[in-house]
Full PDB file with SEQRES, HELIX, SHEET, SSBOND, CRYST1, ORIGX, SCALE, CONECT and MASTER records, all heavy atoms in Angstrom:
SEQRES   1 A   31  ARG ALA PRO ARG GLU LEU LEU LEU LEU LEU PRO ARG GLN          
SEQRES   2 A   31  GLN PRO PRO ASP ALA ALA ALA ARG ASP ALA TRP LEU ALA          
SEQRES   3 A   31  SER ALA GLN ARG ALA                                          
HELIX    1 AA1 ALA A   18  ARG A   30  1                                  13    
CRYST1    1.000    1.000    1.000  90.00  90.00  90.00 P 1           1          
ORIGX1      1.000000  0.000000  0.000000        0.00000                         
ORIGX2      0.000000  1.000000  0.000000        0.00000                         
ORIGX3      0.000000  0.000000  1.000000        0.00000                         
SCALE1      1.000000  0.000000  0.000000        0.00000                         
SCALE2      0.000000  1.000000  0.000000        0.00000                         
SCALE3      0.000000  0.000000  1.000000        0.00000                         
ATOM      1  N   ARG A   1     175.081  94.766 220.293  1.00  0.00           N  
ATOM      2  CA  ARG A   1     175.119  96.101 220.901  1.00  0.00           C  
ATOM      3  C   ARG A   1     175.659  97.137 219.931  1.00  0.00           C  
ATOM      4  O   ARG A   1     175.468  98.341 220.110  1.00  0.00           O  
ATOM      5  CB  ARG A   1     175.994  96.082 222.154  1.00  0.00           C  
ATOM      6  CG  ARG A   1     175.505  95.146 223.254  1.00  0.00           C  
ATOM      7  CD  ARG A   1     176.558  94.952 224.320  1.00  0.00           C  
ATOM      8  NE  ARG A   1     177.785  94.367 223.775  1.00  0.00           N  
ATOM      9  CZ  ARG A   1     178.853  94.048 224.499  1.00  0.00           C  
ATOM     10  NH1 ARG A   1     178.855  94.283 225.802  1.00  0.00           N  
ATOM     11  NH2 ARG A   1     179.913  93.509 223.925  1.00  0.00           N  
ATOM     12  N   ALA A   2     176.384  96.683 218.926  1.00  0.00           N  
ATOM     13  CA  ALA A   2     176.963  97.583 217.922  1.00  0.00           C  
ATOM     14  C   ALA A   2     177.084  96.785 216.625  1.00  0.00           C  
ATOM     15  O   ALA A   2     177.223  95.562 216.654  1.00  0.00           O  
ATOM     16  CB  ALA A   2     178.337  98.079 218.376  1.00  0.00           C  
ATOM     17  N   PRO A   3     177.036  97.454 215.482  1.00  0.00           N  
ATOM     18  CA  PRO A   3     177.117  96.728 214.208  1.00  0.00           C  
ATOM     19  C   PRO A   3     178.560  96.263 213.926  1.00  0.00           C  
ATOM     20  O   PRO A   3     179.269  96.867 213.112  1.00  0.00           O  
ATOM     21  CB  PRO A   3     176.638  97.745 213.181  1.00  0.00           C  
ATOM     22  CG  PRO A   3     177.002  99.069 213.780  1.00  0.00           C  
ATOM     23  CD  PRO A   3     176.864  98.897 215.265  1.00  0.00           C  
ATOM     24  N   ARG A   4     178.987  95.232 214.603  1.00  0.00           N  
ATOM     25  CA  ARG A   4     180.337  94.732 214.383  1.00  0.00           C  
ATOM     26  C   ARG A   4     180.374  93.214 214.586  1.00  0.00           C  
ATOM     27  O   ARG A   4     179.558  92.655 215.314  1.00  0.00           O  
ATOM     28  CB  ARG A   4     181.345  95.399 215.327  1.00  0.00           C  
ATOM     29  CG  ARG A   4     181.059  95.170 216.795  1.00  0.00           C  
ATOM     30  CD  ARG A   4     182.138  95.778 217.673  1.00  0.00           C  
ATOM     31  NE  ARG A   4     181.860  95.542 219.098  1.00  0.00           N  
ATOM     32  CZ  ARG A   4     182.715  95.816 220.072  1.00  0.00           C  
ATOM     33  NH1 ARG A   4     183.888  96.351 219.786  1.00  0.00           N  
ATOM     34  NH2 ARG A   4     182.382  95.581 221.336  1.00  0.00           N  
ATOM     35  N   GLU A   5     181.326  92.601 213.895  1.00  0.00           N  
ATOM     36  CA  GLU A   5     181.547  91.168 214.052  1.00  0.00           C  
ATOM     37  C   GLU A   5     182.867  90.953 214.778  1.00  0.00           C  
ATOM     38  O   GLU A   5     183.831  91.710 214.597  1.00  0.00           O  
ATOM     39  CB  GLU A   5     181.550  90.473 212.702  1.00  0.00           C  
ATOM     40  CG  GLU A   5     180.207  90.562 212.000  1.00  0.00           C  
ATOM     41  CD  GLU A   5     180.100  89.645 210.803  1.00  0.00           C  
ATOM     42  OE1 GLU A   5     181.137  89.070 210.405  1.00  0.00           O  
ATOM     43  OE2 GLU A   5     178.981  89.490 210.285  1.00  0.00           O  
ATOM     44  N   LEU A   6     182.877  89.927 215.620  1.00  0.00           N  
ATOM     45  CA  LEU A   6     184.012  89.699 216.501  1.00  0.00           C  
ATOM     46  C   LEU A   6     184.411  88.226 216.495  1.00  0.00           C  
ATOM     47  O   LEU A   6     183.655  87.348 216.075  1.00  0.00           O  
ATOM     48  CB  LEU A   6     183.668  90.113 217.939  1.00  0.00           C  
ATOM     49  CG  LEU A   6     183.316  91.572 218.203  1.00  0.00           C  
ATOM     50  CD1 LEU A   6     182.746  91.715 219.610  1.00  0.00           C  
ATOM     51  CD2 LEU A   6     184.537  92.467 218.023  1.00  0.00           C  
ATOM     52  N   LEU A   7     185.602  88.000 216.986  1.00  0.00           N  
ATOM     53  CA  LEU A   7     186.053  86.662 217.354  1.00  0.00           C  
ATOM     54  C   LEU A   7     185.961  86.573 218.868  1.00  0.00           C  
ATOM     55  O   LEU A   7     186.601  87.351 219.584  1.00  0.00           O  
ATOM     56  CB  LEU A   7     187.499  86.425 216.896  1.00  0.00           C  
ATOM     57  CG  LEU A   7     187.750  86.451 215.388  1.00  0.00           C  
ATOM     58  CD1 LEU A   7     189.255  86.422 215.104  1.00  0.00           C  
ATOM     59  CD2 LEU A   7     187.059  85.275 214.710  1.00  0.00           C  
ATOM     60  N   LEU A   8     185.149  85.659 219.362  1.00  0.00           N  
ATOM     61  CA  LEU A   8     184.894  85.551 220.795  1.00  0.00           C  
ATOM     62  C   LEU A   8     185.596  84.304 221.323  1.00  0.00           C  
ATOM     63  O   LEU A   8     185.233  83.181 220.964  1.00  0.00           O  
ATOM     64  CB  LEU A   8     183.391  85.470 221.061  1.00  0.00           C  
ATOM     65  CG  LEU A   8     182.945  85.717 222.504  1.00  0.00           C  
ATOM     66  CD1 LEU A   8     183.156  87.189 222.884  1.00  0.00           C  
ATOM     67  CD2 LEU A   8     181.481  85.319 222.684  1.00  0.00           C  
ATOM     68  N   LEU A   9     186.606  84.522 222.163  1.00  0.00           N  
ATOM     69  CA  LEU A   9     187.391  83.422 222.722  1.00  0.00           C  
ATOM     70  C   LEU A   9     186.981  83.206 224.170  1.00  0.00           C  
ATOM     71  O   LEU A   9     186.997  84.149 224.979  1.00  0.00           O  
ATOM     72  CB  LEU A   9     188.886  83.750 222.637  1.00  0.00           C  
ATOM     73  CG  LEU A   9     189.860  82.642 223.011  1.00  0.00           C  
ATOM     74  CD1 LEU A   9     189.738  81.438 222.075  1.00  0.00           C  
ATOM     75  CD2 LEU A   9     191.299  83.171 222.977  1.00  0.00           C  
ATOM     76  N   LEU A  10     186.584  81.979 224.489  1.00  0.00           N  
ATOM     77  CA  LEU A  10     186.100  81.652 225.828  1.00  0.00           C  
ATOM     78  C   LEU A  10     186.828  80.423 226.363  1.00  0.00           C  
ATOM     79  O   LEU A  10     187.207  79.536 225.596  1.00  0.00           O  
ATOM     80  CB  LEU A  10     184.596  81.356 225.814  1.00  0.00           C  
ATOM     81  CG  LEU A  10     183.663  82.384 225.200  1.00  0.00           C  
ATOM     82  CD1 LEU A  10     183.203  81.916 223.839  1.00  0.00           C  
ATOM     83  CD2 LEU A  10     182.478  82.614 226.109  1.00  0.00           C  
ATOM     84  N   PRO A  11     186.984  80.342 227.686  1.00  0.00           N  
ATOM     85  CA  PRO A  11     187.466  79.094 228.266  1.00  0.00           C  
ATOM     86  C   PRO A  11     186.351  78.065 228.263  1.00  0.00           C  
ATOM     87  O   PRO A  11     185.163  78.407 228.150  1.00  0.00           O  
ATOM     88  CB  PRO A  11     187.856  79.504 229.690  1.00  0.00           C  
ATOM     89  CG  PRO A  11     186.943  80.640 230.006  1.00  0.00           C  
ATOM     90  CD  PRO A  11     186.720  81.366 228.704  1.00  0.00           C  
ATOM     91  N   ARG A  12     186.700  76.796 228.433  1.00  0.00           N  
ATOM     92  CA  ARG A  12     185.684  75.742 228.507  1.00  0.00           C  
ATOM     93  C   ARG A  12     185.160  75.545 229.925  1.00  0.00           C  
ATOM     94  O   ARG A  12     184.299  74.697 230.152  1.00  0.00           O  
ATOM     95  CB  ARG A  12     186.263  74.418 227.981  1.00  0.00           C  
ATOM     96  CG  ARG A  12     186.681  74.432 226.519  1.00  0.00           C  
ATOM     97  CD  ARG A  12     185.502  74.554 225.580  1.00  0.00           C  
ATOM     98  NE  ARG A  12     184.597  73.425 225.652  1.00  0.00           N  
ATOM     99  CZ  ARG A  12     184.746  72.273 224.986  1.00  0.00           C  
ATOM    100  NH1 ARG A  12     185.799  72.112 224.204  1.00  0.00           N  
ATOM    101  NH2 ARG A  12     183.850  71.320 225.109  1.00  0.00           N  
ATOM    102  N   GLN A  13     185.715  76.310 230.857  1.00  0.00           N  
ATOM    103  CA  GLN A  13     185.297  76.166 232.256  1.00  0.00           C  
ATOM    104  C   GLN A  13     185.066  77.547 232.849  1.00  0.00           C  
ATOM    105  O   GLN A  13     185.907  78.440 232.731  1.00  0.00           O  
ATOM    106  CB  GLN A  13     186.372  75.412 233.041  1.00  0.00           C  
ATOM    107  CG  GLN A  13     185.931  74.963 234.428  1.00  0.00           C  
ATOM    108  CD  GLN A  13     186.978  74.073 235.076  1.00  0.00           C  
ATOM    109  OE1 GLN A  13     188.175  74.277 234.885  1.00  0.00           O  
ATOM    110  NE2 GLN A  13     186.540  73.099 235.839  1.00  0.00           N  
ATOM    111  N   GLN A  14     183.933  77.744 233.514  1.00  0.00           N  
ATOM    112  CA  GLN A  14     183.614  79.029 234.120  1.00  0.00           C  
ATOM    113  C   GLN A  14     184.331  79.194 235.459  1.00  0.00           C  
ATOM    114  O   GLN A  14     184.559  78.212 236.171  1.00  0.00           O  
ATOM    115  CB  GLN A  14     182.118  79.133 234.366  1.00  0.00           C  
ATOM    116  CG  GLN A  14     181.262  79.197 233.125  1.00  0.00           C  
ATOM    117  CD  GLN A  14     179.794  79.113 233.471  1.00  0.00           C  
ATOM    118  OE1 GLN A  14     179.346  78.153 234.087  1.00  0.00           O  
ATOM    119  NE2 GLN A  14     179.043  80.157 233.095  1.00  0.00           N  
ATOM    120  N   PRO A  15     184.669  80.434 235.817  1.00  0.00           N  
ATOM    121  CA  PRO A  15     185.145  80.663 237.189  1.00  0.00           C  
ATOM    122  C   PRO A  15     184.056  80.253 238.177  1.00  0.00           C  
ATOM    123  O   PRO A  15     182.865  80.550 237.954  1.00  0.00           O  
ATOM    124  CB  PRO A  15     185.418  82.166 237.228  1.00  0.00           C  
ATOM    125  CG  PRO A  15     185.566  82.569 235.794  1.00  0.00           C  
ATOM    126  CD  PRO A  15     184.677  81.665 235.015  1.00  0.00           C  
ATOM    127  N   PRO A  16     184.415  79.589 239.274  1.00  0.00           N  
ATOM    128  CA  PRO A  16     183.388  79.022 240.157  1.00  0.00           C  
ATOM    129  C   PRO A  16     182.627  80.037 240.989  1.00  0.00           C  
ATOM    130  O   PRO A  16     181.507  79.762 241.447  1.00  0.00           O  
ATOM    131  CB  PRO A  16     184.182  78.061 241.047  1.00  0.00           C  
ATOM    132  CG  PRO A  16     185.575  78.624 241.044  1.00  0.00           C  
ATOM    133  CD  PRO A  16     185.771  79.207 239.684  1.00  0.00           C  
ATOM    134  N   ASP A  17     183.199  81.222 241.236  1.00  0.00           N  
ATOM    135  CA  ASP A  17     182.509  82.162 242.123  1.00  0.00           C  
ATOM    136  C   ASP A  17     182.934  83.587 241.774  1.00  0.00           C  
ATOM    137  O   ASP A  17     183.759  83.827 240.875  1.00  0.00           O  
ATOM    138  CB  ASP A  17     182.825  81.854 243.593  1.00  0.00           C  
ATOM    139  CG  ASP A  17     184.315  81.720 243.858  1.00  0.00           C  
ATOM    140  OD1 ASP A  17     185.103  82.500 243.272  1.00  0.00           O  
ATOM    141  OD2 ASP A  17     184.699  80.832 244.644  1.00  0.00           O  
ATOM    142  N   ALA A  18     182.401  84.552 242.510  1.00  0.00           N  
ATOM    143  CA  ALA A  18     182.671  85.969 242.233  1.00  0.00           C  
ATOM    144  C   ALA A  18     184.141  86.310 242.425  1.00  0.00           C  
ATOM    145  O   ALA A  18     184.721  87.088 241.657  1.00  0.00           O  
ATOM    146  CB  ALA A  18     181.798  86.845 243.123  1.00  0.00           C  
ATOM    147  N   ALA A  19     184.771  85.740 243.457  1.00  0.00           N  
ATOM    148  CA  ALA A  19     186.187  86.016 243.702  1.00  0.00           C  
ATOM    149  C   ALA A  19     187.043  85.530 242.534  1.00  0.00           C  
ATOM    150  O   ALA A  19     187.983  86.214 242.100  1.00  0.00           O  
ATOM    151  CB  ALA A  19     186.633  85.353 245.006  1.00  0.00           C  
ATOM    152  N   ALA A  20     186.716  84.354 242.003  1.00  0.00           N  
ATOM    153  CA  ALA A  20     187.457  83.821 240.865  1.00  0.00           C  
ATOM    154  C   ALA A  20     187.237  84.677 239.623  1.00  0.00           C  
ATOM    155  O   ALA A  20     188.161  84.884 238.825  1.00  0.00           O  
ATOM    156  CB  ALA A  20     187.044  82.375 240.602  1.00  0.00           C  
ATOM    157  N   ARG A  21     186.006  85.204 239.461  1.00  0.00           N  
ATOM    158  CA  ARG A  21     185.750  86.077 238.306  1.00  0.00           C  
ATOM    159  C   ARG A  21     186.548  87.368 238.415  1.00  0.00           C  
ATOM    160  O   ARG A  21     187.111  87.855 237.430  1.00  0.00           O  
ATOM    161  CB  ARG A  21     184.253  86.369 238.188  1.00  0.00           C  
ATOM    162  CG  ARG A  21     183.424  85.170 237.727  1.00  0.00           C  
ATOM    163  CD  ARG A  21     182.022  85.584 237.312  1.00  0.00           C  
ATOM    164  NE  ARG A  21     181.218  86.006 238.464  1.00  0.00           N  
ATOM    165  CZ  ARG A  21     180.509  85.167 239.221  1.00  0.00           C  
ATOM    166  NH1 ARG A  21     180.521  83.871 238.969  1.00  0.00           N  
ATOM    167  NH2 ARG A  21     179.785  85.626 240.233  1.00  0.00           N  
ATOM    168  N   ASP A  22     186.614  87.931 239.606  1.00  0.00           N  
ATOM    169  CA  ASP A  22     187.398  89.155 239.801  1.00  0.00           C  
ATOM    170  C   ASP A  22     188.878  88.908 239.516  1.00  0.00           C  
ATOM    171  O   ASP A  22     189.558  89.748 238.899  1.00  0.00           O  
ATOM    172  CB  ASP A  22     187.221  89.674 241.233  1.00  0.00           C  
ATOM    173  CG  ASP A  22     185.825  90.220 241.487  1.00  0.00           C  
ATOM    174  OD1 ASP A  22     185.112  90.501 240.487  1.00  0.00           O  
ATOM    175  OD2 ASP A  22     185.447  90.358 242.670  1.00  0.00           O  
ATOM    176  N   ALA A  23     189.376  87.754 239.980  1.00  0.00           N  
ATOM    177  CA  ALA A  23     190.788  87.423 239.758  1.00  0.00           C  
ATOM    178  C   ALA A  23     191.064  87.247 238.266  1.00  0.00           C  
ATOM    179  O   ALA A  23     192.098  87.691 237.750  1.00  0.00           O  
ATOM    180  CB  ALA A  23     191.160  86.154 240.526  1.00  0.00           C  
ATOM    181  N   TRP A  24     190.117  86.587 237.543  1.00  0.00           N  
ATOM    182  CA  TRP A  24     190.316  86.410 236.098  1.00  0.00           C  
ATOM    183  C   TRP A  24     190.352  87.761 235.392  1.00  0.00           C  
ATOM    184  O   TRP A  24     191.215  87.991 234.533  1.00  0.00           O  
ATOM    185  CB  TRP A  24     189.175  85.567 235.510  1.00  0.00           C  
ATOM    186  CG  TRP A  24     189.358  85.348 234.036  1.00  0.00           C  
ATOM    187  CD1 TRP A  24     190.006  84.327 233.432  1.00  0.00           C  
ATOM    188  CD2 TRP A  24     188.903  86.213 232.975  1.00  0.00           C  
ATOM    189  NE1 TRP A  24     190.001  84.482 232.065  1.00  0.00           N  
ATOM    190  CE2 TRP A  24     189.324  85.639 231.753  1.00  0.00           C  
ATOM    191  CE3 TRP A  24     188.184  87.406 232.950  1.00  0.00           C  
ATOM    192  CZ2 TRP A  24     189.056  86.218 230.526  1.00  0.00           C  
ATOM    193  CZ3 TRP A  24     187.926  87.997 231.710  1.00  0.00           C  
ATOM    194  CH2 TRP A  24     188.355  87.401 230.508  1.00  0.00           C  
ATOM    195  N   LEU A  25     189.434  88.650 235.721  1.00  0.00           N  
ATOM    196  CA  LEU A  25     189.374  89.945 235.052  1.00  0.00           C  
ATOM    197  C   LEU A  25     190.647  90.746 235.298  1.00  0.00           C  
ATOM    198  O   LEU A  25     191.205  91.342 234.369  1.00  0.00           O  
ATOM    199  CB  LEU A  25     188.146  90.731 235.536  1.00  0.00           C  
ATOM    200  CG  LEU A  25     187.900  92.073 234.846  1.00  0.00           C  
ATOM    201  CD1 LEU A  25     187.699  91.882 233.349  1.00  0.00           C  
ATOM    202  CD2 LEU A  25     186.693  92.784 235.460  1.00  0.00           C  
ATOM    203  N   ALA A  26     191.144  90.734 236.530  1.00  0.00           N  
ATOM    204  CA  ALA A  26     192.374  91.469 236.835  1.00  0.00           C  
ATOM    205  C   ALA A  26     193.553  90.891 236.063  1.00  0.00           C  
ATOM    206  O   ALA A  26     194.403  91.634 235.537  1.00  0.00           O  
ATOM    207  CB  ALA A  26     192.641  91.422 238.339  1.00  0.00           C  
ATOM    208  N   SER A  27     193.587  89.567 235.965  1.00  0.00           N  
ATOM    209  CA  SER A  27     194.674  88.928 235.235  1.00  0.00           C  
ATOM    210  C   SER A  27     194.611  89.258 233.746  1.00  0.00           C  
ATOM    211  O   SER A  27     195.621  89.588 233.125  1.00  0.00           O  
ATOM    212  CB  SER A  27     194.611  87.406 235.446  1.00  0.00           C  
ATOM    213  OG  SER A  27     195.606  86.759 234.693  1.00  0.00           O  
ATOM    214  N   ALA A  28     193.426  89.181 233.151  1.00  0.00           N  
ATOM    215  CA  ALA A  28     193.273  89.479 231.725  1.00  0.00           C  
ATOM    216  C   ALA A  28     193.634  90.923 231.419  1.00  0.00           C  
ATOM    217  O   ALA A  28     194.233  91.223 230.379  1.00  0.00           O  
ATOM    218  CB  ALA A  28     191.833  89.182 231.291  1.00  0.00           C  
ATOM    219  N   GLN A  29     193.287  91.844 232.320  1.00  0.00           N  
ATOM    220  CA  GLN A  29     193.614  93.251 232.099  1.00  0.00           C  
ATOM    221  C   GLN A  29     195.122  93.497 232.178  1.00  0.00           C  
ATOM    222  O   GLN A  29     195.639  94.380 231.501  1.00  0.00           O  
ATOM    223  CB  GLN A  29     192.861  94.114 233.111  1.00  0.00           C  
ATOM    224  CG  GLN A  29     191.357  94.176 232.833  1.00  0.00           C  
ATOM    225  CD  GLN A  29     190.575  94.871 233.916  1.00  0.00           C  
ATOM    226  OE1 GLN A  29     191.044  94.967 235.062  1.00  0.00           O  
ATOM    227  NE2 GLN A  29     189.378  95.343 233.599  1.00  0.00           N  
ATOM    228  N   ARG A  30     195.824  92.717 232.996  1.00  0.00           N  
ATOM    229  CA  ARG A  30     197.285  92.834 233.028  1.00  0.00           C  
ATOM    230  C   ARG A  30     197.904  92.290 231.741  1.00  0.00           C  
ATOM    231  O   ARG A  30     198.886  92.831 231.229  1.00  0.00           O  
ATOM    232  CB  ARG A  30     197.847  92.084 234.238  1.00  0.00           C  
ATOM    233  CG  ARG A  30     197.557  92.736 235.576  1.00  0.00           C  
ATOM    234  CD  ARG A  30     198.496  92.213 236.660  1.00  0.00           C  
ATOM    235  NE  ARG A  30     198.394  90.774 236.826  1.00  0.00           N  
ATOM    236  CZ  ARG A  30     197.527  90.161 237.613  1.00  0.00           C  
ATOM    237  NH1 ARG A  30     196.649  90.888 238.299  1.00  0.00           N  
ATOM    238  NH2 ARG A  30     197.515  88.840 237.732  1.00  0.00           N  
ATOM    239  N   ALA A  31     197.316  91.216 231.229  1.00  0.00           N  
ATOM    240  CA  ALA A  31     197.875  90.588 230.022  1.00  0.00           C  
ATOM    241  C   ALA A  31     197.826  91.518 228.818  1.00  0.00           C  
ATOM    242  O   ALA A  31     198.751  91.528 228.003  1.00  0.00           O  
ATOM    243  CB  ALA A  31     197.132  89.284 229.724  1.00  0.00           C  
TER     244      ALA A  31                                                      
MASTER        0    0    0    1    0    0    0    6  243    1    0    3          
END                                                                             
């Protein structure tokens, strides 16, 4: 999307549903 290189850190397990994804995003934004 832009001319840049990144380090992409991912968990090995996906959130199981939309509620879990919302909770993860809120937690990461607090961190």
